[in-house]
Structures are given as C-alpha cells and as structure tokens.
Full PDB file with SEQRES, HELIX, SHEET, SSBOND, CRYST1, ORIGX, SCALE, CONECT and MASTER records, all heavy atoms in Angstrom:
SEQRES   1 A   37  MET LEU GLY GLY VAL LEU ALA MET THR LEU GLY ASP ALA          
SEQRES   2 A   37  ALA ALA SER THR VAL GLY LEU ARG LEU GLY ARG ARG PRO          
SEQRES   3 A   37  TYR ALA THR LEU GLY GLY ARG THR LYS SER LEU                  
HELIX    1 AA1 LEU A    2  LEU A    6  1                                   5    
HELIX    2 AA2 ALA A    7  GLY A   11  3                                   5    
HELIX    3 AA3 ASP A   12  LEU A   22  1                                  11    
HELIX    4 AA4 LEU A   30  GLY A   32  5                                   3    
SHEET    1 AA1 2 PRO A  26  ALA A  28  0                                        
SHEET    2 AA1 2 THR A  34  SER A  36 -1                                        
CRYST1    1.000    1.000    1.000  90.00  90.00  90.00 P 1           1          
ORIGX1      1.000000  0.000000  0.000000        0.00000                         
ORIGX2      0.000000  1.000000  0.000000        0.00000                         
ORIGX3      0.000000  0.000000  1.000000        0.00000                         
SCALE1      1.000000  0.000000  0.000000        0.00000                         
SCALE2      0.000000  1.000000  0.000000        0.00000                         
SCALE3      0.000000  0.000000  1.000000        0.00000                         
ATOM      1  N   MET A   1       0.843  -1.205   0.005  1.00  0.00           N  
ATOM      2  CA  MET A   1       0.047   0.025   0.027  1.00  0.00           C  
ATOM      3  C   MET A   1       0.871   1.274   0.012  1.00  0.00           C  
ATOM      4  O   MET A   1       0.677   2.178  -0.825  1.00  0.00           O  
ATOM      5  CB  MET A   1      -0.898  -0.055   1.245  1.00  0.00           C  
ATOM      6  CG  MET A   1      -1.820   1.152   1.336  1.00  0.00           C  
ATOM      7  SD  MET A   1      -3.005   0.981   2.702  1.00  0.00           S  
ATOM      8  CE  MET A   1      -1.874   1.164   4.119  1.00  0.00           C  
ATOM      9  N   LEU A   2       1.834   1.291   0.913  1.00  0.00           N  
ATOM     10  CA  LEU A   2       2.700   2.453   0.969  1.00  0.00           C  
ATOM     11  C   LEU A   2       3.588   2.553  -0.258  1.00  0.00           C  
ATOM     12  O   LEU A   2       3.770   3.646  -0.870  1.00  0.00           O  
ATOM     13  CB  LEU A   2       3.630   2.365   2.203  1.00  0.00           C  
ATOM     14  CG  LEU A   2       3.013   2.755   3.575  1.00  0.00           C  
ATOM     15  CD1 LEU A   2       3.909   2.300   4.704  1.00  0.00           C  
ATOM     16  CD2 LEU A   2       2.794   4.270   3.602  1.00  0.00           C  
ATOM     17  N   GLY A   3       4.178   1.440  -0.663  1.00  0.00           N  
ATOM     18  CA  GLY A   3       5.040   1.434  -1.814  1.00  0.00           C  
ATOM     19  C   GLY A   3       4.395   1.943  -3.079  1.00  0.00           C  
ATOM     20  O   GLY A   3       4.964   2.755  -3.849  1.00  0.00           O  
ATOM     21  N   GLY A   4       3.134   1.503  -3.313  1.00  0.00           N  
ATOM     22  CA  GLY A   4       2.417   1.909  -4.516  1.00  0.00           C  
ATOM     23  C   GLY A   4       2.109   3.445  -4.512  1.00  0.00           C  
ATOM     24  O   GLY A   4       2.355   4.130  -5.472  1.00  0.00           O  
ATOM     25  N   VAL A   5       1.582   3.945  -3.367  1.00  0.00           N  
ATOM     26  CA  VAL A   5       1.203   5.353  -3.347  1.00  0.00           C  
ATOM     27  C   VAL A   5       2.433   6.251  -3.331  1.00  0.00           C  
ATOM     28  O   VAL A   5       2.516   7.278  -4.042  1.00  0.00           O  
ATOM     29  CB  VAL A   5       0.352   5.628  -2.117  1.00  0.00           C  
ATOM     30  CG1 VAL A   5       0.069   7.152  -1.978  1.00  0.00           C  
ATOM     31  CG2 VAL A   5      -1.005   4.874  -2.219  1.00  0.00           C  
ATOM     32  N   LEU A   6       3.460   5.883  -2.600  1.00  0.00           N  
ATOM     33  CA  LEU A   6       4.670   6.697  -2.520  1.00  0.00           C  
ATOM     34  C   LEU A   6       5.492   6.684  -3.782  1.00  0.00           C  
ATOM     35  O   LEU A   6       6.204   7.651  -4.098  1.00  0.00           O  
ATOM     36  CB  LEU A   6       5.542   6.290  -1.353  1.00  0.00           C  
ATOM     37  CG  LEU A   6       4.955   6.550   0.045  1.00  0.00           C  
ATOM     38  CD1 LEU A   6       5.906   6.065   1.136  1.00  0.00           C  
ATOM     39  CD2 LEU A   6       4.678   8.042   0.257  1.00  0.00           C  
ATOM     40  N   ALA A   7       5.403   5.606  -4.556  1.00  0.00           N  
ATOM     41  CA  ALA A   7       6.072   5.596  -5.891  1.00  0.00           C  
ATOM     42  C   ALA A   7       5.509   6.700  -6.751  1.00  0.00           C  
ATOM     43  O   ALA A   7       6.258   7.400  -7.465  1.00  0.00           O  
ATOM     44  CB  ALA A   7       5.863   4.230  -6.525  1.00  0.00           C  
ATOM     45  N   MET A   8       4.184   6.888  -6.677  1.00  0.00           N  
ATOM     46  CA  MET A   8       3.567   7.929  -7.480  1.00  0.00           C  
ATOM     47  C   MET A   8       3.804   9.302  -6.831  1.00  0.00           C  
ATOM     48  O   MET A   8       4.054  10.314  -7.545  1.00  0.00           O  
ATOM     49  CB  MET A   8       2.076   7.696  -7.548  1.00  0.00           C  
ATOM     50  CG  MET A   8       1.359   8.612  -8.504  1.00  0.00           C  
ATOM     51  SD  MET A   8       1.891   8.402 -10.221  1.00  0.00           S  
ATOM     52  CE  MET A   8       1.587  10.033 -10.924  1.00  0.00           C  
ATOM     53  N   THR A   9       3.733   9.343  -5.537  1.00  0.00           N  
ATOM     54  CA  THR A   9       3.908  10.649  -4.824  1.00  0.00           C  
ATOM     55  C   THR A   9       5.246  11.206  -5.028  1.00  0.00           C  
ATOM     56  O   THR A   9       5.402  12.361  -5.456  1.00  0.00           O  
ATOM     57  CB  THR A   9       3.608  10.412  -3.321  1.00  0.00           C  
ATOM     58  OG1 THR A   9       2.321   9.953  -3.115  1.00  0.00           O  
ATOM     59  CG2 THR A   9       3.756  11.733  -2.572  1.00  0.00           C  
ATOM     60  N   LEU A  10       6.339  10.426  -4.765  1.00  0.00           N  
ATOM     61  CA  LEU A  10       7.653  10.943  -4.797  1.00  0.00           C  
ATOM     62  C   LEU A  10       8.356  10.707  -6.160  1.00  0.00           C  
ATOM     63  O   LEU A  10       8.995  11.605  -6.667  1.00  0.00           O  
ATOM     64  CB  LEU A  10       8.503  10.290  -3.701  1.00  0.00           C  
ATOM     65  CG  LEU A  10       7.905  10.456  -2.279  1.00  0.00           C  
ATOM     66  CD1 LEU A  10       8.790   9.725  -1.276  1.00  0.00           C  
ATOM     67  CD2 LEU A  10       7.853  11.953  -1.902  1.00  0.00           C  
ATOM     68  N   GLY A  11       8.172   9.485  -6.700  1.00  0.00           N  
ATOM     69  CA  GLY A  11       8.849   9.207  -7.968  1.00  0.00           C  
ATOM     70  C   GLY A  11       8.330  10.021  -9.108  1.00  0.00           C  
ATOM     71  O   GLY A  11       9.100  10.569  -9.910  1.00  0.00           O  
ATOM     72  N   ASP A  12       7.017  10.171  -9.237  1.00  0.00           N  
ATOM     73  CA  ASP A  12       6.445  10.916 -10.326  1.00  0.00           C  
ATOM     74  C   ASP A  12       6.771  12.413 -10.177  1.00  0.00           C  
ATOM     75  O   ASP A  12       7.051  13.123 -11.232  1.00  0.00           O  
ATOM     76  CB  ASP A  12       4.900  10.792 -10.393  1.00  0.00           C  
ATOM     77  CG  ASP A  12       4.286  11.574 -11.535  1.00  0.00           C  
ATOM     78  OD1 ASP A  12       4.420  11.165 -12.650  1.00  0.00           O  
ATOM     79  OD2 ASP A  12       3.648  12.600 -11.222  1.00  0.00           O  
ATOM     80  N   ALA A  13       6.816  12.950  -8.984  1.00  0.00           N  
ATOM     81  CA  ALA A  13       7.220  14.311  -8.754  1.00  0.00           C  
ATOM     82  C   ALA A  13       8.627  14.533  -9.216  1.00  0.00           C  
ATOM     83  O   ALA A  13       8.954  15.593  -9.849  1.00  0.00           O  
ATOM     84  CB  ALA A  13       7.061  14.659  -7.281  1.00  0.00           C  
ATOM     85  N   ALA A  14       9.516  13.622  -8.883  1.00  0.00           N  
ATOM     86  CA  ALA A  14      10.945  13.710  -9.336  1.00  0.00           C  
ATOM     87  C   ALA A  14      11.002  13.646 -10.853  1.00  0.00           C  
ATOM     88  O   ALA A  14      11.730  14.389 -11.501  1.00  0.00           O  
ATOM     89  CB  ALA A  14      11.757  12.628  -8.685  1.00  0.00           C  
ATOM     90  N   ALA A  15      10.271  12.721 -11.437  1.00  0.00           N  
ATOM     91  CA  ALA A  15      10.308  12.591 -12.930  1.00  0.00           C  
ATOM     92  C   ALA A  15       9.854  13.807 -13.624  1.00  0.00           C  
ATOM     93  O   ALA A  15      10.475  14.274 -14.600  1.00  0.00           O  
ATOM     94  CB  ALA A  15       9.414  11.399 -13.335  1.00  0.00           C  
ATOM     95  N   SER A  16       8.767  14.403 -13.123  1.00  0.00           N  
ATOM     96  CA  SER A  16       8.231  15.639 -13.785  1.00  0.00           C  
ATOM     97  C   SER A  16       9.233  16.816 -13.600  1.00  0.00           C  
ATOM     98  O   SER A  16       9.498  17.528 -14.536  1.00  0.00           O  
ATOM     99  CB  SER A  16       6.914  15.999 -13.097  1.00  0.00           C  
ATOM    100  OG  SER A  16       6.390  17.191 -13.641  1.00  0.00           O  
ATOM    101  N   THR A  17       9.741  16.972 -12.374  1.00  0.00           N  
ATOM    102  CA  THR A  17      10.639  18.076 -12.130  1.00  0.00           C  
ATOM    103  C   THR A  17      11.911  17.997 -12.923  1.00  0.00           C  
ATOM    104  O   THR A  17      12.329  18.955 -13.583  1.00  0.00           O  
ATOM    105  CB  THR A  17      10.942  18.163 -10.584  1.00  0.00           C  
ATOM    106  OG1 THR A  17       9.735  18.274  -9.862  1.00  0.00           O  
ATOM    107  CG2 THR A  17      11.845  19.361 -10.322  1.00  0.00           C  
ATOM    108  N   VAL A  18      12.542  16.777 -12.858  1.00  0.00           N  
ATOM    109  CA  VAL A  18      13.788  16.587 -13.633  1.00  0.00           C  
ATOM    110  C   VAL A  18      13.516  16.663 -15.101  1.00  0.00           C  
ATOM    111  O   VAL A  18      14.353  17.254 -15.877  1.00  0.00           O  
ATOM    112  CB  VAL A  18      14.405  15.266 -13.217  1.00  0.00           C  
ATOM    113  CG1 VAL A  18      15.614  14.963 -14.095  1.00  0.00           C  
ATOM    114  CG2 VAL A  18      14.874  15.305 -11.770  1.00  0.00           C  
ATOM    115  N   GLY A  19      12.458  16.098 -15.574  1.00  0.00           N  
ATOM    116  CA  GLY A  19      12.120  16.126 -17.005  1.00  0.00           C  
ATOM    117  C   GLY A  19      12.003  17.507 -17.527  1.00  0.00           C  
ATOM    118  O   GLY A  19      12.461  17.827 -18.641  1.00  0.00           O  
ATOM    119  N   LEU A  20      11.313  18.377 -16.785  1.00  0.00           N  
ATOM    120  CA  LEU A  20      11.081  19.750 -17.222  1.00  0.00           C  
ATOM    121  C   LEU A  20      12.334  20.562 -17.173  1.00  0.00           C  
ATOM    122  O   LEU A  20      12.555  21.413 -18.076  1.00  0.00           O  
ATOM    123  CB  LEU A  20       9.970  20.438 -16.357  1.00  0.00           C  
ATOM    124  CG  LEU A  20       8.578  19.902 -16.572  1.00  0.00           C  
ATOM    125  CD1 LEU A  20       7.605  20.526 -15.560  1.00  0.00           C  
ATOM    126  CD2 LEU A  20       8.070  20.251 -17.984  1.00  0.00           C  
ATOM    127  N   ARG A  21      13.187  20.352 -16.149  1.00  0.00           N  
ATOM    128  CA  ARG A  21      14.360  21.229 -15.992  1.00  0.00           C  
ATOM    129  C   ARG A  21      15.567  20.743 -16.682  1.00  0.00           C  
ATOM    130  O   ARG A  21      16.417  21.487 -17.163  1.00  0.00           O  
ATOM    131  CB  ARG A  21      14.629  21.411 -14.495  1.00  0.00           C  
ATOM    132  CG  ARG A  21      13.548  22.139 -13.726  1.00  0.00           C  
ATOM    133  CD  ARG A  21      13.826  22.255 -12.263  1.00  0.00           C  
ATOM    134  NE  ARG A  21      12.870  23.034 -11.551  1.00  0.00           N  
ATOM    135  CZ  ARG A  21      12.951  24.367 -11.406  1.00  0.00           C  
ATOM    136  NH1 ARG A  21      13.994  25.015 -11.893  1.00  0.00           N  
ATOM    137  NH2 ARG A  21      11.977  25.024 -10.758  1.00  0.00           N  
ATOM    138  N   LEU A  22      15.728  19.358 -16.733  1.00  0.00           N  
ATOM    139  CA  LEU A  22      16.982  18.810 -17.204  1.00  0.00           C  
ATOM    140  C   LEU A  22      16.814  17.875 -18.399  1.00  0.00           C  
ATOM    141  O   LEU A  22      17.770  17.316 -18.911  1.00  0.00           O  
ATOM    142  CB  LEU A  22      17.679  18.079 -16.071  1.00  0.00           C  
ATOM    143  CG  LEU A  22      18.005  18.865 -14.846  1.00  0.00           C  
ATOM    144  CD1 LEU A  22      18.548  17.953 -13.778  1.00  0.00           C  
ATOM    145  CD2 LEU A  22      18.968  19.979 -15.156  1.00  0.00           C  
ATOM    146  N   GLY A  23      15.530  17.677 -18.842  1.00  0.00           N  
ATOM    147  CA  GLY A  23      15.317  16.739 -19.936  1.00  0.00           C  
ATOM    148  C   GLY A  23      16.004  17.146 -21.246  1.00  0.00           C  
ATOM    149  O   GLY A  23      15.644  18.189 -21.798  1.00  0.00           O  
ATOM    150  N   ARG A  24      16.926  16.362 -21.715  1.00  0.00           N  
ATOM    151  CA  ARG A  24      17.652  16.601 -22.978  1.00  0.00           C  
ATOM    152  C   ARG A  24      17.477  15.486 -24.009  1.00  0.00           C  
ATOM    153  O   ARG A  24      17.829  15.634 -25.108  1.00  0.00           O  
ATOM    154  CB  ARG A  24      19.131  16.834 -22.659  1.00  0.00           C  
ATOM    155  CG  ARG A  24      19.444  17.977 -21.771  1.00  0.00           C  
ATOM    156  CD  ARG A  24      19.141  19.324 -22.405  1.00  0.00           C  
ATOM    157  NE  ARG A  24      19.520  20.487 -21.564  1.00  0.00           N  
ATOM    158  CZ  ARG A  24      18.735  20.997 -20.633  1.00  0.00           C  
ATOM    159  NH1 ARG A  24      17.493  20.515 -20.492  1.00  0.00           N  
ATOM    160  NH2 ARG A  24      19.113  21.984 -19.895  1.00  0.00           N  
ATOM    161  N   ARG A  25      17.000  14.368 -23.506  1.00  0.00           N  
ATOM    162  CA  ARG A  25      16.867  13.198 -24.443  1.00  0.00           C  
ATOM    163  C   ARG A  25      15.383  12.781 -24.493  1.00  0.00           C  
ATOM    164  O   ARG A  25      15.020  11.839 -23.765  1.00  0.00           O  
ATOM    165  CB  ARG A  25      17.800  12.036 -23.967  1.00  0.00           C  
ATOM    166  CG  ARG A  25      19.288  12.405 -23.943  1.00  0.00           C  
ATOM    167  CD  ARG A  25      20.080  11.329 -23.289  1.00  0.00           C  
ATOM    168  NE  ARG A  25      21.505  11.658 -23.324  1.00  0.00           N  
ATOM    169  CZ  ARG A  25      22.141  12.425 -22.386  1.00  0.00           C  
ATOM    170  NH1 ARG A  25      21.384  12.973 -21.415  1.00  0.00           N  
ATOM    171  NH2 ARG A  25      23.405  12.695 -22.479  1.00  0.00           N  
ATOM    172  N   PRO A  26      14.582  13.374 -25.321  1.00  0.00           N  
ATOM    173  CA  PRO A  26      13.172  13.031 -25.341  1.00  0.00           C  
ATOM    174  C   PRO A  26      12.943  11.693 -26.063  1.00  0.00           C  
ATOM    175  O   PRO A  26      13.738  11.248 -26.873  1.00  0.00           O  
ATOM    176  CB  PRO A  26      12.603  14.202 -26.125  1.00  0.00           C  
ATOM    177  CG  PRO A  26      13.692  14.626 -27.013  1.00  0.00           C  
ATOM    178  CD  PRO A  26      14.976  14.469 -26.220  1.00  0.00           C  
ATOM    179  N   TYR A  27      11.808  11.082 -25.750  1.00  0.00           N  
ATOM    180  CA  TYR A  27      11.381   9.875 -26.515  1.00  0.00           C  
ATOM    181  C   TYR A  27       9.855   9.941 -26.641  1.00  0.00           C  
ATOM    182  O   TYR A  27       9.189  10.478 -25.742  1.00  0.00           O  
ATOM    183  CB  TYR A  27      11.834   8.597 -25.846  1.00  0.00           C  
ATOM    184  CG  TYR A  27      11.331   8.333 -24.453  1.00  0.00           C  
ATOM    185  CD1 TYR A  27      10.077   7.702 -24.219  1.00  0.00           C  
ATOM    186  CD2 TYR A  27      12.079   8.781 -23.352  1.00  0.00           C  
ATOM    187  CE1 TYR A  27       9.636   7.468 -22.959  1.00  0.00           C  
ATOM    188  CE2 TYR A  27      11.611   8.507 -22.025  1.00  0.00           C  
ATOM    189  CZ  TYR A  27      10.382   7.885 -21.867  1.00  0.00           C  
ATOM    190  OH  TYR A  27       9.901   7.695 -20.581  1.00  0.00           O  
ATOM    191  N   ALA A  28       9.355   9.300 -27.675  1.00  0.00           N  
ATOM    192  CA  ALA A  28       7.942   9.335 -27.903  1.00  0.00           C  
ATOM    193  C   ALA A  28       7.242   8.247 -27.123  1.00  0.00           C  
ATOM    194  O   ALA A  28       7.797   7.128 -26.918  1.00  0.00           O  
ATOM    195  CB  ALA A  28       7.661   9.090 -29.417  1.00  0.00           C  
ATOM    196  N   THR A  29       6.057   8.554 -26.609  1.00  0.00           N  
ATOM    197  CA  THR A  29       5.323   7.592 -25.850  1.00  0.00           C  
ATOM    198  C   THR A  29       3.876   7.507 -26.423  1.00  0.00           C  
ATOM    199  O   THR A  29       3.709   7.940 -27.609  1.00  0.00           O  
ATOM    200  CB  THR A  29       5.258   7.917 -24.350  1.00  0.00           C  
ATOM    201  OG1 THR A  29       4.576   6.902 -23.648  1.00  0.00           O  
ATOM    202  CG2 THR A  29       4.580   9.266 -24.081  1.00  0.00           C  
ATOM    203  N   LEU A  30       2.914   6.973 -25.734  1.00  0.00           N  
ATOM    204  CA  LEU A  30       1.596   6.806 -26.299  1.00  0.00           C  
ATOM    205  C   LEU A  30       0.967   8.180 -26.666  1.00  0.00           C  
ATOM    206  O   LEU A  30       1.270   9.171 -26.069  1.00  0.00           O  
ATOM    207  CB  LEU A  30       0.710   6.080 -25.251  1.00  0.00           C  
ATOM    208  CG  LEU A  30       1.148   4.699 -24.788  1.00  0.00           C  
ATOM    209  CD1 LEU A  30       0.168   4.137 -23.798  1.00  0.00           C  
ATOM    210  CD2 LEU A  30       1.242   3.723 -26.003  1.00  0.00           C  
ATOM    211  N   GLY A  31       0.140   8.114 -27.657  1.00  0.00           N  
ATOM    212  CA  GLY A  31      -0.636   9.273 -28.090  1.00  0.00           C  
ATOM    213  C   GLY A  31       0.211  10.376 -28.671  1.00  0.00           C  
ATOM    214  O   GLY A  31      -0.228  11.527 -28.675  1.00  0.00           O  
ATOM    215  N   GLY A  32       1.439  10.071 -29.114  1.00  0.00           N  
ATOM    216  CA  GLY A  32       2.245  11.105 -29.673  1.00  0.00           C  
ATOM    217  C   GLY A  32       2.857  11.997 -28.631  1.00  0.00           C  
ATOM    218  O   GLY A  32       3.505  13.009 -29.029  1.00  0.00           O  
ATOM    219  N   ARG A  33       2.720  11.723 -27.320  1.00  0.00           N  
ATOM    220  CA  ARG A  33       3.341  12.524 -26.286  1.00  0.00           C  
ATOM    221  C   ARG A  33       4.823  12.204 -26.179  1.00  0.00           C  
ATOM    222  O   ARG A  33       5.272  11.127 -26.641  1.00  0.00           O  
ATOM    223  CB  ARG A  33       2.642  12.264 -24.983  1.00  0.00           C  
ATOM    224  CG  ARG A  33       1.131  12.444 -25.014  1.00  0.00           C  
ATOM    225  CD  ARG A  33       0.712  13.899 -25.263  1.00  0.00           C  
ATOM    226  NE  ARG A  33      -0.734  14.034 -25.354  1.00  0.00           N  
ATOM    227  CZ  ARG A  33      -1.523  14.332 -24.277  1.00  0.00           C  
ATOM    228  NH1 ARG A  33      -0.935  14.528 -23.101  1.00  0.00           N  
ATOM    229  NH2 ARG A  33      -2.790  14.506 -24.469  1.00  0.00           N  
ATOM    230  N   THR A  34       5.565  13.073 -25.560  1.00  0.00           N  
ATOM    231  CA  THR A  34       6.994  12.831 -25.362  1.00  0.00           C  
ATOM    232  C   THR A  34       7.345  12.930 -23.851  1.00  0.00           C  
ATOM    233  O   THR A  34       6.723  13.712 -23.054  1.00  0.00           O  
ATOM    234  CB  THR A  34       7.877  13.870 -26.102  1.00  0.00           C  
ATOM    235  OG1 THR A  34       7.543  15.165 -25.662  1.00  0.00           O  
ATOM    236  CG2 THR A  34       7.623  13.750 -27.575  1.00  0.00           C  
ATOM    237  N   LYS A  35       8.280  12.150 -23.475  1.00  0.00           N  
ATOM    238  CA  LYS A  35       8.923  12.191 -22.096  1.00  0.00           C  
ATOM    239  C   LYS A  35      10.393  12.150 -22.306  1.00  0.00           C  
ATOM    240  O   LYS A  35      10.875  12.094 -23.448  1.00  0.00           O  
ATOM    241  CB  LYS A  35       8.373  11.034 -21.256  1.00  0.00           C  
ATOM    242  CG  LYS A  35       6.875  11.057 -21.111  1.00  0.00           C  
ATOM    243  CD  LYS A  35       6.388  10.452 -19.814  1.00  0.00           C  
ATOM    244  CE  LYS A  35       4.896  10.626 -19.631  1.00  0.00           C  
ATOM    245  NZ  LYS A  35       4.367  10.158 -18.377  1.00  0.00           N  
ATOM    246  N   SER A  36      11.116  12.303 -21.173  1.00  0.00           N  
ATOM    247  CA  SER A  36      12.555  12.340 -21.298  1.00  0.00           C  
ATOM    248  C   SER A  36      13.274  11.220 -20.574  1.00  0.00           C  
ATOM    249  O   SER A  36      12.730  10.732 -19.608  1.00  0.00           O  
ATOM    250  CB  SER A  36      13.072  13.674 -20.781  1.00  0.00           C  
ATOM    251  OG  SER A  36      13.008  13.742 -19.404  1.00  0.00           O  
ATOM    252  N   LEU A  37      14.396  10.810 -21.090  1.00  0.00           N  
ATOM    253  CA  LEU A  37      15.162   9.787 -20.426  1.00  0.00           C  
ATOM    254  C   LEU A  37      15.605  10.208 -19.021  1.00  0.00           C  
ATOM    255  O   LEU A  37      15.532   9.426 -18.057  1.00  0.00           O  
ATOM    256  CB  LEU A  37      16.445   9.450 -21.245  1.00  0.00           C  
ATOM    257  CG  LEU A  37      17.422   8.453 -20.604  1.00  0.00           C  
ATOM    258  CD1 LEU A  37      16.757   7.088 -20.423  1.00  0.00           C  
ATOM    259  CD2 LEU A  37      18.670   8.337 -21.529  1.00  0.00           C  
TER     260      LEU A  37                                                      
MASTER        0    0    0    4    2    0    0    6  259    1    0    3          
END                                                                             
C-alpha cells in the first residue's frame, strides 16, 4: 500500500521536475506525447 502510493507521490514528482528542468533526451510515448530519459 505504501510502496504503491509513495512511488507515485515521490517518484512521479521527481520525474516531472527533472524532466522539465533537465530533460535533454526526449522519446515518444503513447498518443504522440513525449517524455525524457
């Protein structure tokens, strides 16, 4: 229960923050959207 919720709480926050500020290697994902390595 904790692992699942905290993975989204902390991990996703880190992914979004780092991706927006430091993302240099984009890749395509579903729906034509892009995320970063």
